ModelCIF file with pLDDT and N, C-alpha, C, O atoms, coordinates in Angstrom:
data_MODEL
#
_entry.id   MODEL 
#
_entity.id                         1 
_entity.type                       polymer 
_entity.pdbx_number_of_molecules   1 
#
_entity_poly.entity_id                      1 
_entity_poly.type                           'polypeptide(L)' 
_entity_poly.nstd_linkage                   no 
_entity_poly.nstd_monomer                   no 
_entity_poly.pdbx_seq_one_letter_code       
;(UNK)(UNK)(UNK)(UNK)(UNK)(UNK)(UNK)(UNK)(UNK)(UNK)(UNK)(UNK)(UNK)(UNK)(UNK)(UNK)
(UNK)(UNK)(UNK)(UNK)(UNK)(UNK)(UNK)(UNK)(UNK)(UNK)(UNK)(UNK)(UNK)(UNK)(UNK)(UNK)
(UNK)(UNK)(UNK)(UNK)(UNK)(UNK)(UNK)(UNK)(UNK)(UNK)(UNK)(UNK)
;
_entity_poly.pdbx_seq_one_letter_code_can   XXXXXXXXXXXXXXXXXXXXXXXXXXXXXXXXXXXXXXXXXXXX 
_entity_poly.pdbx_strand_id                 A 
#
loop_
_entity_poly_seq.entity_id 
_entity_poly_seq.num 
_entity_poly_seq.mon_id 
_entity_poly_seq.hetero 
1 1  UNK n 
1 2  UNK n 
1 3  UNK n 
1 4  UNK n 
1 5  UNK n 
1 6  UNK n 
1 7  UNK n 
1 8  UNK n 
1 9  UNK n 
1 10 UNK n 
1 11 UNK n 
1 12 UNK n 
1 13 UNK n 
1 14 UNK n 
1 15 UNK n 
1 16 UNK n 
1 17 UNK n 
1 18 UNK n 
1 19 UNK n 
1 20 UNK n 
1 21 UNK n 
1 22 UNK n 
1 23 UNK n 
1 24 UNK n 
1 25 UNK n 
1 26 UNK n 
1 27 UNK n 
1 28 UNK n 
1 29 UNK n 
1 30 UNK n 
1 31 UNK n 
1 32 UNK n 
1 33 UNK n 
1 34 UNK n 
1 35 UNK n 
1 36 UNK n 
1 37 UNK n 
1 38 UNK n 
1 39 UNK n 
1 40 UNK n 
1 41 UNK n 
1 42 UNK n 
1 43 UNK n 
1 44 UNK n 
#
_struct_asym.id          A 
_struct_asym.entity_id   1 
#
loop_
_ma_qa_metric.id 
_ma_qa_metric.mode 
_ma_qa_metric.name 
_ma_qa_metric.software_group_id 
_ma_qa_metric.type 
1 global pLDDT . pLDDT 
2 local  pLDDT . pLDDT 
#
_ma_qa_metric_global.metric_id      1 
_ma_qa_metric_global.metric_value   90.02 
_ma_qa_metric_global.model_id       1 
_ma_qa_metric_global.ordinal_id     1 
#
loop_
_ma_qa_metric_local.label_asym_id 
_ma_qa_metric_local.label_comp_id 
_ma_qa_metric_local.label_seq_id 
_ma_qa_metric_local.metric_id 
_ma_qa_metric_local.metric_value 
_ma_qa_metric_local.model_id 
_ma_qa_metric_local.ordinal_id 
A UNK 1  2 90.00 1 1  
A UNK 2  2 89.00 1 2  
A UNK 3  2 90.00 1 3  
A UNK 4  2 90.00 1 4  
A UNK 5  2 90.00 1 5  
A UNK 6  2 89.00 1 6  
A UNK 7  2 87.00 1 7  
A UNK 8  2 90.00 1 8  
A UNK 9  2 91.00 1 9  
A UNK 10 2 92.00 1 10 
A UNK 11 2 93.00 1 11 
A UNK 12 2 92.00 1 12 
A UNK 13 2 93.00 1 13 
A UNK 14 2 91.00 1 14 
A UNK 15 2 90.00 1 15 
A UNK 16 2 86.00 1 16 
A UNK 17 2 86.00 1 17 
A UNK 18 2 89.00 1 18 
A UNK 19 2 88.00 1 19 
A UNK 20 2 86.00 1 20 
A UNK 21 2 83.00 1 21 
A UNK 22 2 86.00 1 22 
A UNK 23 2 88.00 1 23 
A UNK 24 2 92.00 1 24 
A UNK 25 2 93.00 1 25 
A UNK 26 2 93.00 1 26 
A UNK 27 2 94.00 1 27 
A UNK 28 2 93.00 1 28 
A UNK 29 2 91.00 1 29 
A UNK 30 2 90.00 1 30 
A UNK 31 2 90.00 1 31 
A UNK 32 2 91.00 1 32 
A UNK 33 2 92.00 1 33 
A UNK 34 2 93.00 1 34 
A UNK 35 2 93.00 1 35 
A UNK 36 2 93.00 1 36 
A UNK 37 2 93.00 1 37 
A UNK 38 2 91.00 1 38 
A UNK 39 2 91.00 1 39 
A UNK 40 2 89.00 1 40 
A UNK 41 2 87.00 1 41 
A UNK 42 2 87.00 1 42 
A UNK 43 2 89.00 1 43 
A UNK 44 2 87.00 1 44 
#
loop_
_atom_site.group_PDB 
_atom_site.id 
_atom_site.type_symbol 
_atom_site.label_atom_id 
_atom_site.label_alt_id 
_atom_site.label_comp_id 
_atom_site.label_asym_id 
_atom_site.label_entity_id 
_atom_site.label_seq_id 
_atom_site.pdbx_PDB_ins_code 
_atom_site.Cartn_x 
_atom_site.Cartn_y 
_atom_site.Cartn_z 
_atom_site.occupancy 
_atom_site.B_iso_or_equiv 
_atom_site.pdbx_formal_charge 
_atom_site.auth_seq_id 
_atom_site.auth_comp_id 
_atom_site.auth_asym_id 
_atom_site.auth_atom_id 
_atom_site.pdbx_PDB_model_num 
ATOM 1   N N  . UNK A 1 1  ? 0.821   -1.216  0.179   1.00 90.00 ? 1  UNK A N  1 
ATOM 2   C CA . UNK A 1 1  ? -0.224  0.072   -0.049  1.00 90.00 ? 1  UNK A CA 1 
ATOM 3   C C  . UNK A 1 1  ? 0.616   0.849   -0.214  1.00 90.00 ? 1  UNK A C  1 
ATOM 4   O O  . UNK A 1 1  ? 0.571   1.520   -1.245  1.00 90.00 ? 1  UNK A O  1 
ATOM 5   N N  . UNK A 1 2  ? 1.827   1.076   0.850   1.00 89.00 ? 2  UNK A N  1 
ATOM 6   C CA . UNK A 1 2  ? 2.687   2.513   0.448   1.00 89.00 ? 2  UNK A CA 1 
ATOM 7   C C  . UNK A 1 2  ? 3.880   2.834   -0.726  1.00 89.00 ? 2  UNK A C  1 
ATOM 8   O O  . UNK A 1 2  ? 4.284   3.960   -1.018  1.00 89.00 ? 2  UNK A O  1 
ATOM 9   N N  . UNK A 1 3  ? 4.254   1.784   -1.213  1.00 90.00 ? 3  UNK A N  1 
ATOM 10  C CA . UNK A 1 3  ? 5.348   2.012   -2.235  1.00 90.00 ? 3  UNK A CA 1 
ATOM 11  C C  . UNK A 1 3  ? 4.390   1.255   -3.827  1.00 90.00 ? 3  UNK A C  1 
ATOM 12  O O  . UNK A 1 3  ? 4.976   1.482   -4.886  1.00 90.00 ? 3  UNK A O  1 
ATOM 13  N N  . UNK A 1 4  ? 3.331   0.612   -3.919  1.00 90.00 ? 4  UNK A N  1 
ATOM 14  C CA . UNK A 1 4  ? 2.658   0.121   -5.340  1.00 90.00 ? 4  UNK A CA 1 
ATOM 15  C C  . UNK A 1 4  ? 4.119   -0.442  -5.825  1.00 90.00 ? 4  UNK A C  1 
ATOM 16  O O  . UNK A 1 4  ? 4.922   0.379   -6.268  1.00 90.00 ? 4  UNK A O  1 
ATOM 17  N N  . UNK A 1 5  ? 4.475   -1.817  -5.750  1.00 90.00 ? 5  UNK A N  1 
ATOM 18  C CA . UNK A 1 5  ? 6.123   -1.552  -6.564  1.00 90.00 ? 5  UNK A CA 1 
ATOM 19  C C  . UNK A 1 5  ? 5.578   -2.903  -7.784  1.00 90.00 ? 5  UNK A C  1 
ATOM 20  O O  . UNK A 1 5  ? 6.301   -3.225  -8.727  1.00 90.00 ? 5  UNK A O  1 
ATOM 21  N N  . UNK A 1 6  ? 4.317   -3.499  -7.542  1.00 89.00 ? 6  UNK A N  1 
ATOM 22  C CA . UNK A 1 6  ? 3.963   -4.396  -8.374  1.00 89.00 ? 6  UNK A CA 1 
ATOM 23  C C  . UNK A 1 6  ? 3.286   -3.829  -9.655  1.00 89.00 ? 6  UNK A C  1 
ATOM 24  O O  . UNK A 1 6  ? 2.382   -3.206  -9.098  1.00 89.00 ? 6  UNK A O  1 
ATOM 25  N N  . UNK A 1 7  ? 3.124   -3.646  -10.772 1.00 87.00 ? 7  UNK A N  1 
ATOM 26  C CA . UNK A 1 7  ? 3.091   -2.807  -12.115 1.00 87.00 ? 7  UNK A CA 1 
ATOM 27  C C  . UNK A 1 7  ? 1.243   -3.556  -12.311 1.00 87.00 ? 7  UNK A C  1 
ATOM 28  O O  . UNK A 1 7  ? 0.436   -2.752  -12.778 1.00 87.00 ? 7  UNK A O  1 
ATOM 29  N N  . UNK A 1 8  ? 0.619   -5.165  -11.919 1.00 90.00 ? 8  UNK A N  1 
ATOM 30  C CA . UNK A 1 8  ? -0.472  -5.757  -12.175 1.00 90.00 ? 8  UNK A CA 1 
ATOM 31  C C  . UNK A 1 8  ? -1.066  -5.446  -10.894 1.00 90.00 ? 8  UNK A C  1 
ATOM 32  O O  . UNK A 1 8  ? -0.655  -5.353  -9.737  1.00 90.00 ? 8  UNK A O  1 
ATOM 33  N N  . UNK A 1 9  ? -1.944  -5.345  -11.369 1.00 91.00 ? 9  UNK A N  1 
ATOM 34  C CA . UNK A 1 9  ? -3.230  -5.516  -9.935  1.00 91.00 ? 9  UNK A CA 1 
ATOM 35  C C  . UNK A 1 9  ? -2.851  -6.372  -8.681  1.00 91.00 ? 9  UNK A C  1 
ATOM 36  O O  . UNK A 1 9  ? -2.403  -7.461  -9.041  1.00 91.00 ? 9  UNK A O  1 
ATOM 37  N N  . UNK A 1 10 ? -2.901  -6.178  -6.917  1.00 92.00 ? 10 UNK A N  1 
ATOM 38  C CA . UNK A 1 10 ? -2.793  -6.850  -6.438  1.00 92.00 ? 10 UNK A CA 1 
ATOM 39  C C  . UNK A 1 10 ? -4.069  -6.733  -5.517  1.00 92.00 ? 10 UNK A C  1 
ATOM 40  O O  . UNK A 1 10 ? -4.533  -5.688  -5.061  1.00 92.00 ? 10 UNK A O  1 
ATOM 41  N N  . UNK A 1 11 ? -4.502  -7.907  -5.352  1.00 93.00 ? 11 UNK A N  1 
ATOM 42  C CA . UNK A 1 11 ? -5.611  -8.144  -4.155  1.00 93.00 ? 11 UNK A CA 1 
ATOM 43  C C  . UNK A 1 11 ? -5.218  -8.201  -3.182  1.00 93.00 ? 11 UNK A C  1 
ATOM 44  O O  . UNK A 1 11 ? -4.130  -8.753  -3.017  1.00 93.00 ? 11 UNK A O  1 
ATOM 45  N N  . UNK A 1 12 ? -6.033  -7.576  -1.937  1.00 92.00 ? 12 UNK A N  1 
ATOM 46  C CA . UNK A 1 12 ? -6.171  -7.143  -1.178  1.00 92.00 ? 12 UNK A CA 1 
ATOM 47  C C  . UNK A 1 12 ? -7.578  -8.627  -0.445  1.00 92.00 ? 12 UNK A C  1 
ATOM 48  O O  . UNK A 1 12 ? -8.797  -8.456  -0.479  1.00 92.00 ? 12 UNK A O  1 
ATOM 49  N N  . UNK A 1 13 ? -6.813  -10.013 0.166   1.00 93.00 ? 13 UNK A N  1 
ATOM 50  C CA . UNK A 1 13 ? -8.243  -10.491 0.461   1.00 93.00 ? 13 UNK A CA 1 
ATOM 51  C C  . UNK A 1 13 ? -7.835  -10.985 1.851   1.00 93.00 ? 13 UNK A C  1 
ATOM 52  O O  . UNK A 1 13 ? -6.745  -11.088 2.414   1.00 93.00 ? 13 UNK A O  1 
ATOM 53  N N  . UNK A 1 14 ? -9.498  -11.338 2.316   1.00 91.00 ? 14 UNK A N  1 
ATOM 54  C CA . UNK A 1 14 ? -9.604  -11.208 3.835   1.00 91.00 ? 14 UNK A CA 1 
ATOM 55  C C  . UNK A 1 14 ? -10.505 -12.526 4.210   1.00 91.00 ? 14 UNK A C  1 
ATOM 56  O O  . UNK A 1 14 ? -11.590 -12.797 3.696   1.00 91.00 ? 14 UNK A O  1 
ATOM 57  N N  . UNK A 1 15 ? -9.991  -13.100 4.968   1.00 90.00 ? 15 UNK A N  1 
ATOM 58  C CA . UNK A 1 15 ? -10.565 -14.440 5.706   1.00 90.00 ? 15 UNK A CA 1 
ATOM 59  C C  . UNK A 1 15 ? -11.347 -13.936 7.209   1.00 90.00 ? 15 UNK A C  1 
ATOM 60  O O  . UNK A 1 15 ? -10.720 -13.418 8.133   1.00 90.00 ? 15 UNK A O  1 
ATOM 61  N N  . UNK A 1 16 ? -13.048 -14.244 7.233   1.00 86.00 ? 16 UNK A N  1 
ATOM 62  C CA . UNK A 1 16 ? -13.495 -13.696 8.496   1.00 86.00 ? 16 UNK A CA 1 
ATOM 63  C C  . UNK A 1 16 ? -12.737 -15.176 9.379   1.00 86.00 ? 16 UNK A C  1 
ATOM 64  O O  . UNK A 1 16 ? -12.389 -15.025 10.550  1.00 86.00 ? 16 UNK A O  1 
ATOM 65  N N  . UNK A 1 17 ? -12.593 -16.214 8.848   1.00 86.00 ? 17 UNK A N  1 
ATOM 66  C CA . UNK A 1 17 ? -12.598 -17.146 10.318  1.00 86.00 ? 17 UNK A CA 1 
ATOM 67  C C  . UNK A 1 17 ? -11.341 -17.770 10.472  1.00 86.00 ? 17 UNK A C  1 
ATOM 68  O O  . UNK A 1 17 ? -11.210 -18.872 11.005  1.00 86.00 ? 17 UNK A O  1 
ATOM 69  N N  . UNK A 1 18 ? -9.847  -16.678 9.741   1.00 89.00 ? 18 UNK A N  1 
ATOM 70  C CA . UNK A 1 18 ? -8.806  -17.355 9.953   1.00 89.00 ? 18 UNK A CA 1 
ATOM 71  C C  . UNK A 1 18 ? -8.406  -16.262 11.250  1.00 89.00 ? 18 UNK A C  1 
ATOM 72  O O  . UNK A 1 18 ? -8.890  -15.163 11.522  1.00 89.00 ? 18 UNK A O  1 
ATOM 73  N N  . UNK A 1 19 ? -7.414  -16.982 11.856  1.00 88.00 ? 19 UNK A N  1 
ATOM 74  C CA . UNK A 1 19 ? -6.897  -16.730 13.452  1.00 88.00 ? 19 UNK A CA 1 
ATOM 75  C C  . UNK A 1 19 ? -7.603  -16.668 14.491  1.00 88.00 ? 19 UNK A C  1 
ATOM 76  O O  . UNK A 1 19 ? -7.490  -15.787 15.343  1.00 88.00 ? 19 UNK A O  1 
ATOM 77  N N  . UNK A 1 20 ? -8.540  -17.759 14.525  1.00 86.00 ? 20 UNK A N  1 
ATOM 78  C CA . UNK A 1 20 ? -8.952  -18.459 15.440  1.00 86.00 ? 20 UNK A CA 1 
ATOM 79  C C  . UNK A 1 20 ? -10.519 -17.382 15.257  1.00 86.00 ? 20 UNK A C  1 
ATOM 80  O O  . UNK A 1 20 ? -10.867 -16.993 16.372  1.00 86.00 ? 20 UNK A O  1 
ATOM 81  N N  . UNK A 1 21 ? -11.402 -16.901 14.188  1.00 83.00 ? 21 UNK A N  1 
ATOM 82  C CA . UNK A 1 21 ? -12.034 -16.446 13.772  1.00 83.00 ? 21 UNK A CA 1 
ATOM 83  C C  . UNK A 1 21 ? -12.020 -14.874 13.937  1.00 83.00 ? 21 UNK A C  1 
ATOM 84  O O  . UNK A 1 21 ? -13.088 -14.274 13.823  1.00 83.00 ? 21 UNK A O  1 
ATOM 85  N N  . UNK A 1 22 ? -10.821 -14.165 14.208  1.00 86.00 ? 22 UNK A N  1 
ATOM 86  C CA . UNK A 1 22 ? -10.310 -12.951 14.296  1.00 86.00 ? 22 UNK A CA 1 
ATOM 87  C C  . UNK A 1 22 ? -9.931  -12.164 12.790  1.00 86.00 ? 22 UNK A C  1 
ATOM 88  O O  . UNK A 1 22 ? -9.712  -10.989 12.495  1.00 86.00 ? 22 UNK A O  1 
ATOM 89  N N  . UNK A 1 23 ? -9.971  -13.342 12.074  1.00 88.00 ? 23 UNK A N  1 
ATOM 90  C CA . UNK A 1 23 ? -9.764  -12.776 10.832  1.00 88.00 ? 23 UNK A CA 1 
ATOM 91  C C  . UNK A 1 23 ? -8.643  -12.150 10.374  1.00 88.00 ? 23 UNK A C  1 
ATOM 92  O O  . UNK A 1 23 ? -8.248  -11.209 11.062  1.00 88.00 ? 23 UNK A O  1 
ATOM 93  N N  . UNK A 1 24 ? -8.017  -12.430 9.376   1.00 92.00 ? 24 UNK A N  1 
ATOM 94  C CA . UNK A 1 24 ? -7.045  -12.489 8.768   1.00 92.00 ? 24 UNK A CA 1 
ATOM 95  C C  . UNK A 1 24 ? -6.608  -11.620 6.917   1.00 92.00 ? 24 UNK A C  1 
ATOM 96  O O  . UNK A 1 24 ? -7.071  -11.765 5.785   1.00 92.00 ? 24 UNK A O  1 
ATOM 97  N N  . UNK A 1 25 ? -5.856  -11.029 7.335   1.00 93.00 ? 25 UNK A N  1 
ATOM 98  C CA . UNK A 1 25 ? -5.817  -10.890 5.382   1.00 93.00 ? 25 UNK A CA 1 
ATOM 99  C C  . UNK A 1 25 ? -4.343  -11.225 4.686   1.00 93.00 ? 25 UNK A C  1 
ATOM 100 O O  . UNK A 1 25 ? -3.492  -11.667 5.457   1.00 93.00 ? 25 UNK A O  1 
ATOM 101 N N  . UNK A 1 26 ? -4.014  -11.070 3.445   1.00 93.00 ? 26 UNK A N  1 
ATOM 102 C CA . UNK A 1 26 ? -3.335  -11.903 2.777   1.00 93.00 ? 26 UNK A CA 1 
ATOM 103 C C  . UNK A 1 26 ? -3.430  -11.254 1.362   1.00 93.00 ? 26 UNK A C  1 
ATOM 104 O O  . UNK A 1 26 ? -4.492  -10.758 0.984   1.00 93.00 ? 26 UNK A O  1 
ATOM 105 N N  . UNK A 1 27 ? -2.053  -11.263 0.404   1.00 94.00 ? 27 UNK A N  1 
ATOM 106 C CA . UNK A 1 27 ? -2.256  -10.246 -1.167  1.00 94.00 ? 27 UNK A CA 1 
ATOM 107 C C  . UNK A 1 27 ? -2.214  -10.968 -1.615  1.00 94.00 ? 27 UNK A C  1 
ATOM 108 O O  . UNK A 1 27 ? -1.281  -11.727 -1.352  1.00 94.00 ? 27 UNK A O  1 
ATOM 109 N N  . UNK A 1 28 ? -3.166  -11.341 -2.648  1.00 93.00 ? 28 UNK A N  1 
ATOM 110 C CA . UNK A 1 28 ? -2.791  -12.357 -3.799  1.00 93.00 ? 28 UNK A CA 1 
ATOM 111 C C  . UNK A 1 28 ? -2.482  -11.669 -5.498  1.00 93.00 ? 28 UNK A C  1 
ATOM 112 O O  . UNK A 1 28 ? -2.489  -10.440 -5.579  1.00 93.00 ? 28 UNK A O  1 
ATOM 113 N N  . UNK A 1 29 ? -2.324  -12.172 -6.290  1.00 91.00 ? 29 UNK A N  1 
ATOM 114 C CA . UNK A 1 29 ? -2.092  -11.528 -7.339  1.00 91.00 ? 29 UNK A CA 1 
ATOM 115 C C  . UNK A 1 29 ? -2.993  -12.103 -8.978  1.00 91.00 ? 29 UNK A C  1 
ATOM 116 O O  . UNK A 1 29 ? -3.030  -11.746 -10.155 1.00 91.00 ? 29 UNK A O  1 
ATOM 117 N N  . UNK A 1 30 ? -3.618  -13.199 -8.084  1.00 90.00 ? 30 UNK A N  1 
ATOM 118 C CA . UNK A 1 30 ? -4.586  -13.153 -8.760  1.00 90.00 ? 30 UNK A CA 1 
ATOM 119 C C  . UNK A 1 30 ? -6.122  -12.853 -8.211  1.00 90.00 ? 30 UNK A C  1 
ATOM 120 O O  . UNK A 1 30 ? -6.125  -12.868 -6.980  1.00 90.00 ? 30 UNK A O  1 
ATOM 121 N N  . UNK A 1 31 ? -7.287  -12.614 -8.716  1.00 90.00 ? 31 UNK A N  1 
ATOM 122 C CA . UNK A 1 31 ? -8.211  -11.829 -8.059  1.00 90.00 ? 31 UNK A CA 1 
ATOM 123 C C  . UNK A 1 31 ? -9.084  -13.072 -7.560  1.00 90.00 ? 31 UNK A C  1 
ATOM 124 O O  . UNK A 1 31 ? -9.650  -12.825 -6.495  1.00 90.00 ? 31 UNK A O  1 
ATOM 125 N N  . UNK A 1 32 ? -9.295  -14.177 -8.004  1.00 91.00 ? 32 UNK A N  1 
ATOM 126 C CA . UNK A 1 32 ? -9.586  -15.104 -7.531  1.00 91.00 ? 32 UNK A CA 1 
ATOM 127 C C  . UNK A 1 32 ? -9.404  -15.652 -6.221  1.00 91.00 ? 32 UNK A C  1 
ATOM 128 O O  . UNK A 1 32 ? -8.217  -15.767 -5.917  1.00 91.00 ? 32 UNK A O  1 
ATOM 129 N N  . UNK A 1 33 ? -10.374 -16.090 -5.202  1.00 92.00 ? 33 UNK A N  1 
ATOM 130 C CA . UNK A 1 33 ? -10.136 -16.721 -3.585  1.00 92.00 ? 33 UNK A CA 1 
ATOM 131 C C  . UNK A 1 33 ? -9.840  -18.075 -3.390  1.00 92.00 ? 33 UNK A C  1 
ATOM 132 O O  . UNK A 1 33 ? -10.631 -19.013 -3.286  1.00 92.00 ? 33 UNK A O  1 
ATOM 133 N N  . UNK A 1 34 ? -8.228  -18.079 -3.341  1.00 93.00 ? 34 UNK A N  1 
ATOM 134 C CA . UNK A 1 34 ? -7.535  -19.252 -3.184  1.00 93.00 ? 34 UNK A CA 1 
ATOM 135 C C  . UNK A 1 34 ? -6.976  -19.046 -1.218  1.00 93.00 ? 34 UNK A C  1 
ATOM 136 O O  . UNK A 1 34 ? -6.142  -18.284 -0.730  1.00 93.00 ? 34 UNK A O  1 
ATOM 137 N N  . UNK A 1 35 ? -7.461  -19.608 -0.862  1.00 93.00 ? 35 UNK A N  1 
ATOM 138 C CA . UNK A 1 35 ? -7.560  -19.038 0.974   1.00 93.00 ? 35 UNK A CA 1 
ATOM 139 C C  . UNK A 1 35 ? -6.170  -20.399 1.524   1.00 93.00 ? 35 UNK A C  1 
ATOM 140 O O  . UNK A 1 35 ? -6.191  -21.615 1.711   1.00 93.00 ? 35 UNK A O  1 
ATOM 141 N N  . UNK A 1 36 ? -4.915  -19.099 1.620   1.00 93.00 ? 36 UNK A N  1 
ATOM 142 C CA . UNK A 1 36 ? -3.288  -19.646 2.010   1.00 93.00 ? 36 UNK A CA 1 
ATOM 143 C C  . UNK A 1 36 ? -3.346  -20.003 3.906   1.00 93.00 ? 36 UNK A C  1 
ATOM 144 O O  . UNK A 1 36 ? -2.407  -20.580 4.455   1.00 93.00 ? 36 UNK A O  1 
ATOM 145 N N  . UNK A 1 37 ? -4.739  -19.488 4.765   1.00 93.00 ? 37 UNK A N  1 
ATOM 146 C CA . UNK A 1 37 ? -4.954  -19.969 6.411   1.00 93.00 ? 37 UNK A CA 1 
ATOM 147 C C  . UNK A 1 37 ? -5.629  -21.203 6.512   1.00 93.00 ? 37 UNK A C  1 
ATOM 148 O O  . UNK A 1 37 ? -5.396  -21.957 7.456   1.00 93.00 ? 37 UNK A O  1 
ATOM 149 N N  . UNK A 1 38 ? -6.757  -21.586 5.292   1.00 91.00 ? 38 UNK A N  1 
ATOM 150 C CA . UNK A 1 38 ? -7.044  -22.847 5.671   1.00 91.00 ? 38 UNK A CA 1 
ATOM 151 C C  . UNK A 1 38 ? -6.802  -24.022 4.323   1.00 91.00 ? 38 UNK A C  1 
ATOM 152 O O  . UNK A 1 38 ? -7.379  -25.109 4.309   1.00 91.00 ? 38 UNK A O  1 
ATOM 153 N N  . UNK A 1 39 ? -6.145  -23.705 3.573   1.00 91.00 ? 39 UNK A N  1 
ATOM 154 C CA . UNK A 1 39 ? -5.958  -24.152 2.278   1.00 91.00 ? 39 UNK A CA 1 
ATOM 155 C C  . UNK A 1 39 ? -6.826  -24.987 1.304   1.00 91.00 ? 39 UNK A C  1 
ATOM 156 O O  . UNK A 1 39 ? -7.324  -24.327 0.393   1.00 91.00 ? 39 UNK A O  1 
ATOM 157 N N  . UNK A 1 40 ? -7.143  -26.509 1.322   1.00 89.00 ? 40 UNK A N  1 
ATOM 158 C CA . UNK A 1 40 ? -7.602  -27.454 0.533   1.00 89.00 ? 40 UNK A CA 1 
ATOM 159 C C  . UNK A 1 40 ? -9.326  -27.643 1.242   1.00 89.00 ? 40 UNK A C  1 
ATOM 160 O O  . UNK A 1 40 ? -10.415 -27.876 0.717   1.00 89.00 ? 40 UNK A O  1 
ATOM 161 N N  . UNK A 1 41 ? -8.831  -27.379 2.841   1.00 87.00 ? 41 UNK A N  1 
ATOM 162 C CA . UNK A 1 41 ? -9.919  -27.395 3.266   1.00 87.00 ? 41 UNK A CA 1 
ATOM 163 C C  . UNK A 1 41 ? -11.221 -26.438 3.528   1.00 87.00 ? 41 UNK A C  1 
ATOM 164 O O  . UNK A 1 41 ? -12.378 -26.612 3.911   1.00 87.00 ? 41 UNK A O  1 
ATOM 165 N N  . UNK A 1 42 ? -10.663 -25.677 3.242   1.00 87.00 ? 42 UNK A N  1 
ATOM 166 C CA . UNK A 1 42 ? -12.122 -24.261 3.040   1.00 87.00 ? 42 UNK A CA 1 
ATOM 167 C C  . UNK A 1 42 ? -11.349 -23.500 1.490   1.00 87.00 ? 42 UNK A C  1 
ATOM 168 O O  . UNK A 1 42 ? -11.200 -22.292 1.673   1.00 87.00 ? 42 UNK A O  1 
ATOM 169 N N  . UNK A 1 43 ? -10.949 -23.876 0.337   1.00 89.00 ? 43 UNK A N  1 
ATOM 170 C CA . UNK A 1 43 ? -9.866  -23.381 -0.319  1.00 89.00 ? 43 UNK A CA 1 
ATOM 171 C C  . UNK A 1 43 ? -10.376 -21.591 -0.581  1.00 89.00 ? 43 UNK A C  1 
ATOM 172 O O  . UNK A 1 43 ? -9.745  -20.558 -0.359  1.00 89.00 ? 43 UNK A O  1 
ATOM 173 N N  . UNK A 1 44 ? -11.947 -21.836 -1.206  1.00 87.00 ? 44 UNK A N  1 
ATOM 174 C CA . UNK A 1 44 ? -12.866 -20.268 -1.312  1.00 87.00 ? 44 UNK A CA 1 
ATOM 175 C C  . UNK A 1 44 ? -12.956 -19.514 -0.554  1.00 87.00 ? 44 UNK A C  1 
ATOM 176 O O  . UNK A 1 44 ? -13.616 -18.497 -0.770  1.00 87.00 ? 44 UNK A O  1 
#
């Protein structure tokens, strides 16, 4: 957010159930939701 170094769009994504239901964010270079905090268990 400070320096915007990537020329292509970067998507800020959020899962409300991550971190013991506290919610957590991550960055993705794809618009599709692929959850890194649950993986294949709750991918979308």
